[in-house]
Amino acid sequence: MTGYRGLIIGLSALVTALFLTSLLVGPAGLSPLRSLNALIFGADGPITLVMREIRLPRAILGVMVGGALGLAGAAMQGYLRNPLAEPGLLGVSGSAALGAVLSIQTGIVAGFALALPLAALGGAALSVGLLLLLAGPRGGSLSLILAGIALSALAGALTSLVLNLSPNPFAAAEIVFWMLGSLADRSFLHVALALPFMALGAALLLPLGRGLDTLTLGEDAAEALGTRLGRLRLMLVAGVAALVGAATAVAGSVGFVGLVVPHLLRGAVGARPSRLLLASALGGAAMVLAADIAVRLLVPERDLKLGVLTAIVGAPLFLHLVYRTRRGEL
């Protein structure tokens, strides 16, 4: 237990350090002391605006989005007992992206700033209903996976169709850039919109630790130990949908966080799903904050997208996981 407590403390300290760094990094080139003074005391009017209305919500969203994706990924891998599982497997992120794409294509975004995240949340909610309908009330993990893959493929196809038929090249370009994922130009309205859904998702997933631990023994053994698999699956789907849907709604498609982070931390928690949940939430927050800082430092004169960088880092690790799985090392 001491090692696990030390891991949580270390990850919390890392997230705190990255959060402060995120507040102090930006194209304005402000000194750290002056930036913190403007943030805390409200001095230097324009700098206060930059710190409180631009950098602070961006850093908060980095913690929220990373924590949501890391927690959802750990829960999915624990339920499916597969280290290659990730939150997008349920099709929620693809459906949320489709909702956002439709809001851009129809022009609703031009008249209502929050139309995009609200449409994305609507798409995520619709996918949950379809997922549960397709998987059935008593379906196992296999039916859940197949239903999720079908929904993800359908959402991806419809998104491609919208892009293909788009008569407006500016809308198509905006759709493509949004789907790459970013925390730039976000405000406290986005924080307020995503926070209730992410809090709900965390409240549903964090108590599932014991049930996920029993599932490592198999579904029959888990039921014999008192785990109600139907209830666990329902809470898992609802929790993952709330977290991933809200994250996609405010940040676009940010991939590989839910896959990479649980894998990196699994050995440190003794491969126990219950301990991996909180650790992955903190690790996900650290990864997204670090990536968001990197996109501002690597190519400051260009708008490098967050999702592009996480994919560049995550894809090689995913290939490594596939290779190890083929060799039977997992």
Protein backbone atom coordinates (compact mmCIF):
# COMPACT_ATOMS: atom_id res chain seq x y z
CA MET A 1 0.00 0.00 0.00
CA THR A 2 2.90 2.33 0.74
CA GLY A 3 4.16 1.98 -2.82
CA TYR A 4 0.73 2.75 -4.23
CA ARG A 5 0.33 5.79 -1.98
CA GLY A 6 3.75 7.01 -3.08
CA LEU A 7 2.75 6.56 -6.72
CA ILE A 8 -0.42 8.62 -6.25
CA ILE A 9 1.50 11.35 -4.41
CA GLY A 10 4.16 11.39 -7.13
CA LEU A 11 1.60 11.59 -9.93
CA SER A 12 -0.29 14.33 -8.09
CA ALA A 13 2.92 16.33 -7.72
CA LEU A 14 3.68 15.82 -11.43
CA VAL A 15 0.20 17.03 -12.44
CA THR A 16 0.58 20.08 -10.17
CA ALA A 17 3.97 20.95 -11.67
CA LEU A 18 2.69 20.54 -15.22
CA PHE A 19 -0.42 22.58 -14.41
CA LEU A 20 1.73 25.48 -13.20
CA THR A 21 4.01 25.14 -16.21
CA SER A 22 0.99 25.24 -18.52
CA LEU A 23 -0.06 28.52 -16.92
CA LEU A 24 3.36 30.05 -17.54
CA VAL A 25 3.92 28.91 -21.16
CA GLY A 26 2.49 30.82 -24.09
CA PRO A 27 3.23 33.01 -27.10
CA ALA A 28 2.94 36.21 -25.04
CA GLY A 29 6.41 35.65 -23.57
CA LEU A 30 5.46 36.83 -20.08
CA SER A 31 7.80 36.35 -17.14
CA PRO A 32 6.66 33.73 -14.58
CA LEU A 33 6.55 36.22 -11.69
CA ARG A 34 4.52 38.75 -13.64
CA SER A 35 2.17 36.03 -14.91
CA LEU A 36 1.46 34.64 -11.45
CA ASN A 37 1.01 38.14 -10.04
CA ALA A 38 -1.58 38.92 -12.73
CA LEU A 39 -3.35 35.59 -12.16
CA ILE A 40 -3.58 35.90 -8.38
CA PHE A 41 -3.87 39.64 -7.77
CA GLY A 42 -5.32 40.87 -11.05
CA ALA A 43 -2.61 43.41 -11.84
CA ASP A 44 -1.68 44.52 -15.37
CA GLY A 45 -5.09 44.50 -17.08
CA PRO A 46 -4.28 42.77 -20.42
CA ILE A 47 -2.03 40.20 -18.73
CA THR A 48 -4.77 39.39 -16.24
CA LEU A 49 -7.11 38.73 -19.14
CA VAL A 50 -4.57 36.40 -20.76
CA MET A 51 -3.94 34.49 -17.54
CA ARG A 52 -7.50 34.21 -16.26
CA GLU A 53 -9.49 33.86 -19.48
CA ILE A 54 -7.06 32.02 -21.78
CA ARG A 55 -4.34 30.11 -19.94
CA LEU A 56 -6.24 29.12 -16.79
CA PRO A 57 -9.23 27.44 -18.49
CA ARG A 58 -6.85 25.76 -20.94
CA ALA A 59 -4.81 24.27 -18.10
CA ILE A 60 -7.94 23.19 -16.21
CA LEU A 61 -9.32 21.51 -19.32
CA GLY A 62 -5.99 19.74 -19.79
CA VAL A 63 -6.39 18.15 -16.36
CA MET A 64 -10.06 17.34 -16.96
CA VAL A 65 -9.68 15.87 -20.44
CA GLY A 66 -6.56 13.86 -19.60
CA GLY A 67 -8.04 12.58 -16.35
CA ALA A 68 -11.28 11.59 -18.09
CA LEU A 69 -9.54 9.68 -20.88
CA GLY A 70 -7.08 7.98 -18.54
CA LEU A 71 -9.81 6.86 -16.14
CA ALA A 72 -12.08 5.66 -18.96
CA GLY A 73 -9.22 3.69 -20.53
CA ALA A 74 -8.31 1.97 -17.26
CA ALA A 75 -11.96 1.03 -16.65
CA MET A 76 -12.35 -0.37 -20.17
CA GLN A 77 -9.18 -2.43 -19.93
CA GLY A 78 -10.20 -3.73 -16.52
CA TYR A 79 -13.68 -4.74 -17.67
CA LEU A 80 -12.56 -6.37 -20.91
CA ARG A 81 -9.37 -7.78 -19.33
CA ASN A 82 -7.47 -6.62 -22.38
CA PRO A 83 -4.56 -4.13 -22.31
CA LEU A 84 -5.33 -3.17 -25.93
CA ALA A 85 -8.81 -1.86 -25.08
CA GLU A 86 -9.38 1.90 -25.15
CA PRO A 87 -12.33 4.26 -24.58
CA GLY A 88 -13.07 4.77 -28.29
CA LEU A 89 -13.93 1.08 -28.56
CA LEU A 90 -17.52 1.81 -27.52
CA GLY A 91 -18.04 4.27 -30.37
CA VAL A 92 -18.81 7.17 -28.03
CA SER A 93 -15.96 9.40 -29.21
CA GLY A 94 -16.84 8.80 -32.88
CA SER A 95 -20.51 9.59 -32.23
CA ALA A 96 -19.60 12.72 -30.29
CA ALA A 97 -17.36 13.81 -33.16
CA LEU A 98 -20.21 13.21 -35.60
CA GLY A 99 -22.51 15.45 -33.56
CA ALA A 100 -19.90 18.20 -33.54
CA VAL A 101 -19.27 17.83 -37.27
CA LEU A 102 -22.98 18.19 -38.02
CA SER A 103 -23.17 21.36 -35.93
CA ILE A 104 -20.29 22.87 -37.94
CA GLN A 105 -21.65 21.75 -41.30
CA THR A 106 -25.14 23.10 -40.65
CA GLY A 107 -23.78 26.45 -39.51
CA ILE A 108 -25.39 26.33 -36.05
CA VAL A 109 -22.01 27.11 -34.50
CA ALA A 110 -21.97 30.54 -36.13
CA GLY A 111 -25.03 31.64 -34.18
CA PHE A 112 -24.43 29.81 -30.89
CA ALA A 113 -20.93 29.38 -29.48
CA LEU A 114 -21.76 26.30 -27.38
CA ALA A 115 -23.62 24.52 -30.18
CA LEU A 116 -20.55 22.41 -31.01
CA PRO A 117 -19.92 20.88 -27.56
CA LEU A 118 -23.65 20.47 -26.95
CA ALA A 119 -24.09 18.66 -30.26
CA ALA A 120 -21.12 16.44 -29.41
CA LEU A 121 -22.68 15.56 -26.05
CA GLY A 122 -25.94 14.80 -27.83
CA GLY A 123 -24.15 12.45 -30.21
CA ALA A 124 -22.48 10.69 -27.28
CA ALA A 125 -25.81 10.29 -25.46
CA LEU A 126 -27.45 8.85 -28.56
CA SER A 127 -24.62 6.36 -29.00
CA VAL A 128 -25.05 5.10 -25.44
CA GLY A 129 -28.71 4.35 -26.05
CA LEU A 130 -27.92 2.54 -29.29
CA LEU A 131 -25.03 0.67 -27.67
CA LEU A 132 -27.19 -0.68 -24.85
CA LEU A 133 -29.95 -1.53 -27.32
CA LEU A 134 -27.60 -3.44 -29.61
CA ALA A 135 -25.68 -5.21 -26.85
CA GLY A 136 -28.87 -6.25 -25.05
CA PRO A 137 -29.63 -6.18 -21.32
CA ARG A 138 -27.75 -9.42 -20.60
CA GLY A 139 -25.09 -9.30 -23.28
CA GLY A 140 -21.51 -10.01 -22.29
CA SER A 141 -18.31 -8.20 -23.09
CA LEU A 142 -18.15 -9.64 -26.62
CA SER A 143 -21.55 -8.24 -27.60
CA LEU A 144 -20.54 -4.89 -26.10
CA ILE A 145 -17.35 -4.81 -28.16
CA LEU A 146 -19.13 -5.77 -31.39
CA ALA A 147 -21.85 -3.16 -30.83
CA GLY A 148 -19.22 -0.51 -30.08
CA ILE A 149 -17.21 -1.36 -33.19
CA ALA A 150 -20.35 -1.17 -35.32
CA LEU A 151 -21.31 2.23 -33.89
CA SER A 152 -17.77 3.54 -34.29
CA ALA A 153 -17.65 2.41 -37.93
CA LEU A 154 -21.06 3.95 -38.64
CA ALA A 155 -20.13 7.26 -37.01
CA GLY A 156 -16.85 7.36 -38.92
CA ALA A 157 -18.62 6.64 -42.21
CA LEU A 158 -21.23 9.35 -41.62
CA THR A 159 -18.51 11.85 -40.68
CA SER A 160 -16.68 11.05 -43.90
CA LEU A 161 -19.94 11.43 -45.82
CA VAL A 162 -20.50 14.90 -44.35
CA LEU A 163 -16.99 15.93 -45.36
CA ASN A 164 -17.39 14.43 -48.81
CA LEU A 165 -20.67 16.23 -49.52
CA SER A 166 -19.74 19.52 -47.86
CA PRO A 167 -20.29 22.39 -50.34
CA ASN A 168 -18.42 24.81 -48.12
CA PRO A 169 -14.61 24.36 -48.13
CA PHE A 170 -14.26 26.60 -45.07
CA ALA A 171 -16.63 24.41 -43.05
CA ALA A 172 -14.77 21.30 -44.22
CA ALA A 173 -11.45 22.80 -43.14
CA GLU A 174 -12.90 23.75 -39.76
CA ILE A 175 -14.21 20.20 -39.32
CA VAL A 176 -10.84 18.67 -40.11
CA PHE A 177 -8.95 20.97 -37.76
CA TRP A 178 -11.47 20.41 -34.95
CA MET A 179 -11.18 16.63 -35.30
CA LEU A 180 -7.41 16.86 -34.79
CA GLY A 181 -8.02 17.85 -31.16
CA SER A 182 -6.92 20.97 -29.31
CA LEU A 183 -7.30 22.91 -26.06
CA ALA A 184 -6.62 26.29 -27.68
CA ASP A 185 -9.26 29.04 -27.57
CA ARG A 186 -11.28 27.34 -24.84
CA SER A 187 -13.00 29.28 -22.05
CA PHE A 188 -14.62 28.69 -18.69
CA LEU A 189 -17.88 28.05 -20.55
CA HIS A 190 -16.31 24.85 -21.85
CA VAL A 191 -15.09 23.98 -18.36
CA ALA A 192 -18.55 24.52 -16.89
CA LEU A 193 -20.16 22.47 -19.66
CA ALA A 194 -17.85 19.44 -19.35
CA LEU A 195 -17.38 19.39 -15.57
CA PRO A 196 -20.79 17.96 -14.54
CA PHE A 197 -20.54 15.11 -17.06
CA MET A 198 -16.97 14.29 -16.09
CA ALA A 199 -17.85 14.38 -12.39
CA LEU A 200 -20.75 12.00 -13.08
CA GLY A 201 -18.50 9.68 -15.08
CA ALA A 202 -15.87 9.60 -12.34
CA ALA A 203 -18.56 8.96 -9.71
CA LEU A 204 -19.78 5.97 -11.74
CA LEU A 205 -16.38 4.43 -12.53
CA LEU A 206 -14.29 4.90 -9.39
CA PRO A 207 -16.53 2.67 -7.20
CA LEU A 208 -16.20 -0.20 -9.70
CA GLY A 209 -12.71 -1.11 -8.51
CA ARG A 210 -13.69 -4.15 -6.46
CA GLY A 211 -15.88 -5.53 -9.24
CA LEU A 212 -13.09 -5.09 -11.79
CA ASP A 213 -10.69 -6.88 -9.44
CA THR A 214 -13.02 -9.88 -9.21
CA LEU A 215 -13.38 -9.95 -12.99
CA THR A 216 -9.69 -10.81 -13.28
CA LEU A 217 -10.74 -14.28 -12.06
CA GLY A 218 -13.34 -14.64 -14.82
CA GLU A 219 -17.03 -13.74 -15.07
CA ASP A 220 -18.28 -16.90 -13.33
CA ALA A 221 -15.91 -16.39 -10.39
CA ALA A 222 -16.85 -12.69 -10.21
CA GLU A 223 -20.56 -13.54 -9.97
CA ALA A 224 -19.80 -16.18 -7.33
CA LEU A 225 -18.04 -13.48 -5.31
CA GLY A 226 -21.11 -11.26 -5.43
CA THR A 227 -20.35 -9.00 -8.39
CA ARG A 228 -23.48 -8.04 -10.31
CA LEU A 229 -22.15 -8.04 -13.85
CA GLY A 230 -25.21 -6.43 -15.41
CA ARG A 231 -25.07 -3.48 -13.02
CA LEU A 232 -21.30 -3.19 -13.44
CA ARG A 233 -21.59 -3.12 -17.22
CA LEU A 234 -24.32 -0.48 -17.15
CA MET A 235 -22.29 1.76 -14.82
CA LEU A 236 -19.19 1.22 -16.93
CA VAL A 237 -20.90 2.17 -20.21
CA ALA A 238 -22.58 5.22 -18.68
CA GLY A 239 -19.39 6.35 -16.95
CA VAL A 240 -17.16 5.92 -19.99
CA ALA A 241 -19.73 7.66 -22.19
CA ALA A 242 -19.98 10.65 -19.83
CA LEU A 243 -16.20 11.03 -19.60
CA VAL A 244 -15.30 10.45 -23.25
CA GLY A 245 -18.31 12.34 -24.59
CA ALA A 246 -17.52 15.40 -22.50
CA ALA A 247 -13.80 15.24 -23.35
CA THR A 248 -14.51 14.97 -27.08
CA ALA A 249 -17.08 17.76 -26.86
CA VAL A 250 -14.61 20.32 -25.53
CA ALA A 251 -11.28 19.12 -26.96
CA GLY A 252 -12.06 17.21 -30.14
CA SER A 253 -10.48 13.82 -30.84
CA VAL A 254 -7.49 13.22 -28.56
CA GLY A 255 -6.41 9.64 -29.06
CA PHE A 256 -4.17 7.09 -27.38
CA VAL A 257 -4.30 8.63 -23.88
CA GLY A 258 -6.72 5.99 -22.61
CA LEU A 259 -4.61 3.25 -24.18
CA VAL A 260 -1.09 4.37 -23.32
CA VAL A 261 -1.45 5.62 -19.74
CA PRO A 262 -3.01 2.49 -18.15
CA HIS A 263 -0.41 0.33 -19.86
CA LEU A 264 2.48 2.42 -18.54
CA LEU A 265 1.14 2.38 -14.98
CA ARG A 266 -0.16 -1.19 -14.77
CA GLY A 267 3.08 -2.64 -13.48
CA ALA A 268 3.39 0.06 -10.81
CA VAL A 269 0.01 -0.87 -9.26
CA GLY A 270 0.54 -4.62 -9.30
CA ALA A 271 -1.85 -5.07 -12.25
CA ARG A 272 -4.85 -4.45 -9.97
CA PRO A 273 -7.66 -2.69 -11.87
CA SER A 274 -8.98 -1.00 -8.72
CA ARG A 275 -5.67 0.77 -8.11
CA LEU A 276 -5.18 1.53 -11.79
CA LEU A 277 -8.30 3.73 -12.00
CA LEU A 278 -7.09 6.70 -9.94
CA ALA A 279 -3.50 6.30 -11.07
CA SER A 280 -4.55 6.39 -14.73
CA ALA A 281 -6.71 9.46 -14.17
CA LEU A 282 -3.69 11.31 -12.78
CA GLY A 283 -1.38 9.88 -15.44
CA GLY A 284 -3.79 10.92 -18.19
CA ALA A 285 -3.95 14.45 -16.81
CA ALA A 286 -0.14 14.59 -16.78
CA MET A 287 0.12 13.28 -20.35
CA VAL A 288 -2.36 15.76 -21.83
CA LEU A 289 -0.86 18.69 -19.92
CA ALA A 290 2.63 17.71 -21.09
CA ALA A 291 1.45 17.32 -24.70
CA ASP A 292 -0.37 20.66 -24.60
CA ILE A 293 2.77 22.36 -23.30
CA ALA A 294 4.81 20.66 -26.03
CA VAL A 295 2.55 21.88 -28.86
CA ARG A 296 3.19 25.44 -27.70
CA LEU A 297 6.96 24.96 -27.47
CA LEU A 298 7.79 22.75 -30.47
CA VAL A 299 6.27 24.87 -33.23
CA PRO A 300 5.18 28.13 -31.57
CA GLU A 301 4.52 29.90 -34.88
CA ARG A 302 2.17 27.13 -36.12
CA ASP A 303 -0.99 25.71 -34.60
CA LEU A 304 0.23 22.17 -33.92
CA LYS A 305 -2.78 20.15 -32.77
CA LEU A 306 -2.85 18.26 -29.48
CA GLY A 307 -4.38 15.12 -30.99
CA VAL A 308 -1.62 14.95 -33.59
CA LEU A 309 1.10 14.92 -30.93
CA THR A 310 -0.63 12.33 -28.72
CA ALA A 311 -1.04 10.10 -31.78
CA ILE A 312 2.64 10.46 -32.70
CA VAL A 313 3.61 9.40 -29.17
CA GLY A 314 0.89 6.79 -28.69
CA ALA A 315 0.93 4.96 -32.03
CA PRO A 316 4.45 3.46 -31.65
CA LEU A 317 3.56 2.22 -28.18
CA PHE A 318 0.35 0.69 -29.53
CA LEU A 319 2.37 -1.16 -32.17
CA HIS A 320 4.69 -2.36 -29.42
CA LEU A 321 1.69 -3.69 -27.49
CA VAL A 322 0.45 -5.54 -30.57
CA TYR A 323 3.90 -7.05 -31.07
CA ARG A 324 4.10 -8.21 -27.46
CA THR A 325 0.58 -9.65 -27.67
CA ARG A 326 1.56 -11.66 -30.76
CA ARG A 327 4.51 -13.09 -28.86
CA GLY A 328 2.26 -13.97 -25.92
CA GLU A 329 4.08 -11.72 -23.48
CA LEU A 330 0.93 -10.00 -22.14
